[in-house]
Protein backbone atom coordinates (compact mmCIF):
# COMPACT_ATOMS: atom_id res chain seq x y z
CA MET A 1 132.24 49.48 74.19
CA LEU A 2 130.20 51.39 76.83
CA LYS A 3 126.51 51.98 76.19
CA LEU A 4 123.94 53.67 78.43
CA ASP A 5 120.35 53.13 77.35
CA LYS A 6 117.58 55.23 78.90
CA LEU A 7 119.47 55.35 82.18
CA HIS A 8 117.75 56.71 85.28
CA ALA A 9 119.53 57.25 88.60
CA PHE A 10 118.33 57.98 92.11
CA TYR A 11 119.61 59.18 95.47
CA GLY A 12 116.92 57.72 97.68
CA LYS A 13 113.68 59.26 96.45
CA SER A 14 115.50 61.96 94.48
CA HIS A 15 115.34 61.26 90.74
CA VAL A 16 118.55 62.67 89.22
CA LEU A 17 119.07 61.12 85.77
CA HIS A 18 116.13 60.99 83.37
CA GLY A 19 116.72 58.57 80.52
CA VAL A 20 120.36 59.20 79.60
CA ASP A 21 121.67 57.66 76.37
CA LEU A 22 125.45 57.66 75.96
CA GLN A 23 128.11 55.65 74.15
CA VAL A 24 131.90 55.53 74.30
CA ALA A 25 133.69 53.66 71.53
CA PRO A 26 137.09 51.92 71.79
CA GLY A 27 139.95 54.43 71.81
CA GLU A 28 137.62 57.43 71.97
CA ILE A 29 137.69 60.46 74.26
CA VAL A 30 134.16 61.66 75.02
CA ALA A 31 133.73 64.90 76.97
CA LEU A 32 130.71 64.97 79.29
CA LEU A 33 129.88 68.63 79.84
CA GLY A 34 127.35 70.69 81.75
CA ARG A 35 126.92 72.99 84.71
CA ASN A 36 127.17 71.81 88.31
CA GLY A 37 124.10 69.79 89.16
CA SER A 38 123.45 68.73 85.55
CA GLY A 39 123.99 65.04 86.31
CA ARG A 40 127.51 64.47 84.99
CA SER A 41 129.04 63.06 88.19
CA THR A 42 125.92 61.04 88.88
CA THR A 43 126.31 59.45 85.44
CA ALA A 44 129.83 58.36 86.38
CA LYS A 45 128.65 56.99 89.72
CA ALA A 46 125.79 55.16 88.01
CA ILE A 47 128.22 53.43 85.64
CA MET A 48 130.35 52.36 88.62
CA GLY A 49 127.39 50.98 90.58
CA LEU A 50 127.55 53.66 93.27
CA VAL A 51 123.92 54.87 92.99
CA ASP A 52 120.56 53.20 92.39
CA THR A 53 119.70 52.94 88.70
CA GLN A 54 117.09 51.82 86.21
CA GLY A 55 117.74 51.29 82.52
CA GLY A 56 120.64 49.79 80.63
CA ILE A 57 124.37 49.97 81.34
CA ALA A 58 126.30 47.66 79.03
CA TRP A 59 130.05 47.16 78.84
CA GLN A 60 131.48 45.21 75.90
CA GLY A 61 128.00 43.91 75.21
CA ARG A 62 127.32 42.66 78.75
CA SER A 63 125.10 44.28 81.34
CA LEU A 64 126.66 45.77 84.47
CA ALA A 65 123.33 45.74 86.32
CA GLY A 66 123.62 44.49 89.89
CA LEU A 67 127.41 44.36 89.96
CA LYS A 68 129.39 45.85 92.82
CA PRO A 69 131.86 48.66 92.11
CA TYR A 70 134.91 46.41 92.52
CA GLU A 71 133.40 43.89 90.07
CA ILE A 72 132.87 46.65 87.53
CA ALA A 73 136.47 47.77 88.01
CA GLN A 74 137.67 44.20 87.52
CA ARG A 75 135.91 44.13 84.16
CA GLY A 76 138.11 46.97 82.90
CA ILE A 77 136.52 50.29 83.89
CA GLY A 78 138.63 52.70 85.92
CA TYR A 79 137.18 55.62 87.86
CA VAL A 80 138.94 58.77 89.03
CA PRO A 81 136.55 60.59 91.38
CA GLU A 82 136.51 64.34 91.79
CA ASN A 83 137.58 64.16 95.44
CA ARG A 84 140.74 62.15 94.52
CA ASP A 85 140.55 59.68 97.47
CA ILE A 86 144.28 59.12 97.95
CA PHE A 87 145.56 57.23 101.00
CA PRO A 88 147.25 60.10 102.88
CA LYS A 89 149.44 58.06 105.26
CA LEU A 90 150.84 55.85 102.52
CA THR A 91 153.67 56.91 100.23
CA VAL A 92 153.20 57.73 96.58
CA HIS A 93 154.64 54.35 95.59
CA GLN A 94 152.44 52.49 98.07
CA ASN A 95 149.36 54.24 96.66
CA LEU A 96 150.34 53.05 93.20
CA GLN A 97 150.90 49.53 94.51
CA LEU A 98 147.36 49.46 95.89
CA GLY A 99 146.01 50.25 92.43
CA GLN A 100 148.01 47.51 90.74
CA LYS A 101 146.02 44.70 89.16
CA SER A 102 147.51 41.64 90.84
CA ARG A 103 146.55 39.11 88.18
CA ALA A 104 147.65 41.07 85.14
CA LYS A 105 150.19 38.90 83.28
CA SER A 106 151.34 41.65 80.93
CA PRO A 107 150.03 44.93 82.31
CA ARG A 108 149.64 47.85 79.95
CA TRP A 109 151.02 50.23 82.56
CA THR A 110 154.01 49.92 84.89
CA PHE A 111 155.49 52.01 87.69
CA ASP A 112 158.08 53.29 85.23
CA ASP A 113 155.27 54.40 82.90
CA MET A 114 153.66 56.36 85.70
CA TYR A 115 156.90 58.04 86.68
CA ALA A 116 157.67 58.83 83.05
CA LEU A 117 154.26 60.48 82.61
CA PHE A 118 154.67 62.53 85.77
CA PRO A 119 158.35 62.87 86.78
CA ARG A 120 157.27 64.78 89.89
CA LEU A 121 155.80 61.55 91.27
CA ARG A 122 159.15 59.80 90.84
CA GLU A 123 160.77 62.56 92.90
CA ARG A 124 158.08 62.15 95.58
CA GLN A 125 157.64 58.37 95.45
CA HIS A 126 158.74 57.88 99.09
CA THR A 127 156.71 60.84 100.38
CA GLU A 128 153.40 60.40 102.19
CA ALA A 129 150.59 61.24 99.80
CA GLY A 130 148.84 63.45 102.34
CA VAL A 131 151.51 66.16 102.08
CA LEU A 132 151.41 66.39 98.27
CA SER A 133 150.03 69.47 96.57
CA GLY A 134 146.59 69.30 94.98
CA GLY A 135 148.10 68.89 91.54
CA GLU A 136 150.40 66.10 92.72
CA GLN A 137 147.48 64.31 94.37
CA GLN A 138 145.53 64.52 91.11
CA MET A 139 148.48 63.03 89.24
CA LEU A 140 148.68 60.24 91.80
CA THR A 141 144.99 59.41 91.62
CA LEU A 142 145.08 59.23 87.84
CA CYS A 143 148.13 56.99 87.89
CA ARG A 144 146.78 54.75 90.64
CA THR A 145 143.67 54.12 88.54
CA LEU A 146 145.80 53.27 85.50
CA MET A 147 147.71 50.68 87.51
CA GLY A 148 144.48 48.65 87.53
CA ASP A 149 144.93 48.26 83.76
CA PRO A 150 141.50 49.58 82.66
CA GLU A 151 140.29 49.71 79.07
CA LEU A 152 137.99 52.65 79.83
CA ILE A 153 138.77 55.36 82.36
CA ILE A 154 136.12 57.74 83.71
CA ILE A 155 137.70 60.96 85.00
CA ASP A 156 135.66 63.46 86.99
CA GLU A 157 136.94 67.05 86.89
CA PRO A 158 140.69 66.27 86.63
CA THR A 159 141.69 69.94 86.27
CA GLU A 160 139.56 71.34 89.11
CA GLY A 161 141.63 73.72 91.26
CA LEU A 162 144.88 73.11 89.40
CA ALA A 163 147.39 75.67 88.20
CA PRO A 164 147.41 76.34 84.42
CA LYS A 165 150.73 74.55 83.93
CA ILE A 166 149.38 71.40 85.62
CA VAL A 167 146.17 71.64 83.58
CA GLU A 168 148.31 71.47 80.44
CA GLN A 169 150.07 68.38 81.82
CA VAL A 170 146.76 66.67 82.53
CA ALA A 171 145.57 67.38 78.97
CA GLU A 172 148.78 65.86 77.58
CA TYR A 173 148.31 62.88 79.88
CA LEU A 174 144.78 62.26 78.55
CA LEU A 175 146.02 62.34 74.97
CA ALA A 176 148.75 59.86 75.96
CA LEU A 177 146.03 57.51 77.23
CA LYS A 178 144.23 57.68 73.90
CA ALA A 179 147.51 56.98 72.10
CA ARG A 180 147.82 53.81 74.19
CA GLY A 181 144.35 52.65 73.09
CA LEU A 182 142.31 53.59 76.14
CA SER A 183 138.82 55.02 75.99
CA VAL A 184 138.17 58.07 78.16
CA LEU A 185 134.93 59.54 79.50
CA LEU A 186 136.01 62.98 80.64
CA ILE A 187 133.82 65.06 82.95
CA GLU A 188 135.19 68.57 82.71
CA GLN A 189 134.23 72.17 83.42
CA LYS A 190 136.95 73.76 81.29
CA LEU A 191 135.40 73.86 77.83
CA THR A 192 138.67 74.70 76.10
CA ILE A 193 140.40 71.53 77.31
CA ALA A 194 137.40 69.34 76.48
CA LEU A 195 137.09 70.73 72.95
CA GLU A 196 140.81 70.33 72.28
CA ILE A 197 141.18 66.67 73.20
CA SER A 198 137.78 65.00 72.69
CA GLN A 199 136.30 63.39 69.59
CA ARG A 200 132.72 63.87 70.78
CA CYS A 201 130.99 66.15 73.26
CA VAL A 202 127.88 65.29 75.25
CA VAL A 203 126.18 68.14 77.10
CA MET A 204 123.86 67.44 80.03
CA GLY A 205 121.20 69.60 81.64
CA HIS A 206 118.71 68.71 84.37
CA GLY A 207 119.72 65.05 84.24
CA ARG A 208 119.23 64.69 80.49
CA VAL A 209 121.42 64.78 77.39
CA VAL A 210 120.68 68.06 75.62
CA PHE A 211 123.41 67.95 72.96
CA GLU A 212 125.69 65.38 71.36
CA GLY A 213 128.12 66.07 68.55
CA THR A 214 131.67 66.92 67.56
CA PRO A 215 133.68 69.68 69.23
CA ALA A 216 133.31 71.69 66.02
CA ALA A 217 129.53 71.35 66.15
CA LEU A 218 129.46 72.50 69.77
CA LYS A 219 131.68 75.48 68.99
CA ALA A 220 129.26 76.44 66.24
CA ASP A 221 126.15 76.13 68.42
CA ALA A 222 126.08 79.32 70.47
CA GLY A 223 122.56 78.57 71.69
CA VAL A 224 123.55 75.32 73.39
CA ARG A 225 126.63 76.88 74.95
CA LYS A 226 124.67 79.87 76.28
CA GLU A 227 121.78 77.84 77.70
CA TRP A 228 123.63 74.86 79.13
CA LEU A 229 127.31 75.72 79.63
CA GLU A 230 128.14 79.38 80.01
CA VAL A 231 127.82 81.06 83.41
């Protein structure tokens, strides 16, 4: 479904990604792991056309090279950035409306689906998003992206700064996405969550892929964890 082939990425003259190969299959959760600065978020931005790239980025067999971010989104890739990017002066419901794919004849996700996943958003649907807690804003950003009816969703650090109870909710939410047939590329610091819900783990270091395998294989490889993941 998604295939990166020898992908390089740049911020101006700064060369950040160095030949990244990565695939995400239909209905698969892939955890993209690594320390801060390893290139995980840049990989997400490269897929979405937000940084300069060289190499291959293919989606459903077609190149995404040269497309603008909104064109990539229209092709079925959703992106939840780490900084959440909610519209603070709009209500929860209005934020969800902005994410809605206007031409979808039979959308996979509805407002009722969003409120069923996160009942707290139903309670707060007429509240301005700017006064929500960090956890509520994360819920809102995830749901707003889903309203665009993506087939693949890229999620950057969804549990960052959240209370343990909300972290558990986010993990359940991600499994619910998989159950509905979505593919997920999950960028996550919390190794426990990533190992519990993913089918494959990709570890990055210094802008390169340094490990790819099953969660069980990563658990068994103490050398990789010590060199590239543990603080």
